[in-house]
Protein backbone atom coordinates (compact mmCIF):
# COMPACT_ATOMS: atom_id res chain seq x y z
CA MET A 1 100.17 130.10 37.31
CA GLY A 2 102.22 131.69 34.71
CA ARG A 3 100.01 134.17 34.17
CA ASP A 4 101.18 137.99 33.23
CA PHE A 5 99.76 140.63 35.79
CA SER A 6 101.88 143.58 34.39
CA TYR A 7 98.67 145.20 33.96
CA ILE A 8 98.09 145.95 37.82
CA ALA A 9 98.39 149.41 38.16
CA ARG A 10 98.63 149.59 41.92
CA ASN A 11 102.37 148.43 42.94
CA CYS A 12 101.49 147.01 46.47
CA GLU A 13 98.81 145.00 44.75
CA ARG A 14 101.38 143.78 42.16
CA ALA A 15 103.47 143.07 44.63
CA VAL A 16 100.83 140.89 46.79
CA VAL A 17 99.87 139.07 43.89
CA THR A 18 103.02 138.34 42.56
CA ALA A 19 104.56 136.89 45.90
CA TYR A 20 101.48 134.59 46.56
CA LEU A 21 102.04 133.27 42.98
CA ASP A 22 105.56 132.74 43.59
CA GLN A 23 104.98 131.01 46.97
CA ARG A 24 102.30 128.98 45.50
CA ALA A 25 104.55 127.74 42.86
CA HIS A 26 107.31 126.95 45.19
CA GLY A 27 104.89 124.72 47.13
CA THR A 28 103.75 126.86 49.98
CA PRO A 29 100.48 126.05 51.17
CA ASP A 30 97.55 128.18 50.44
CA LEU A 31 97.03 129.52 53.93
CA PRO A 32 101.13 130.37 55.10
CA ALA A 33 101.40 131.95 51.39
CA PHE A 34 97.96 134.33 52.27
CA GLN A 35 99.64 135.06 55.46
CA ALA A 36 102.74 136.02 54.09
CA CYS A 37 101.26 138.34 51.77
CA THR A 38 99.23 139.92 54.44
CA THR A 39 102.30 140.92 56.21
CA LEU A 40 104.23 141.85 52.97
CA TYR A 41 101.45 144.29 52.86
CA ARG A 42 101.61 145.77 56.43
CA ILE A 43 105.25 146.21 56.15
CA HIS A 44 104.56 148.71 53.32
CA HIS A 45 101.18 150.31 55.00
CA PRO A 46 101.57 150.02 58.73
CA GLU A 47 98.67 152.28 59.28
CA ALA A 48 96.62 149.31 58.00
CA SER A 49 94.81 146.88 60.41
CA LEU A 50 95.60 143.07 60.18
CA SER A 51 91.56 142.88 59.40
CA GLU A 52 91.92 145.37 56.67
CA ALA A 53 95.30 143.80 55.09
CA ARG A 54 93.47 140.63 55.24
CA ARG A 55 90.53 141.83 53.22
CA LEU A 56 92.52 143.67 50.87
CA VAL A 57 94.55 140.63 50.05
CA ALA A 58 91.80 138.44 49.96
CA GLU A 59 89.94 140.31 47.25
CA TRP A 60 93.43 140.64 45.18
CA VAL A 61 94.03 136.84 45.25
CA ASP A 62 90.39 136.05 44.50
CA HIS A 63 89.98 139.00 41.74
CA HIS A 64 93.27 138.02 40.14
CA ILE A 65 93.86 134.02 40.98
CA THR A 66 91.20 132.63 42.13
CA ARG A 67 88.59 134.51 39.43
CA ALA A 68 90.78 135.20 36.58
CA PRO A 69 89.92 134.43 32.96
CA THR A 70 91.41 130.93 31.96
CA GLY A 71 91.36 131.13 28.25
CA ASN A 72 89.75 133.05 25.36
CA ALA A 73 86.10 133.77 25.46
CA ASN A 74 83.76 131.42 23.20
CA GLY A 75 82.09 133.61 20.78
């Protein structure tokens, strides 16, 4: 879980990904970490609905963590 996410341009996206990784690294299960990150997003964007926040957080976690490249490509 020690990936460098400094290339993420949007501050909220970086904050959410960093918070999720930090929580997981400290033993927080997936769902509570996801819920905390959804709350974090909504604190900074109170205009966002709960479903919108969940969708964005899920997309960011999926993109930057679940589907992130794990090493150098062969070839």
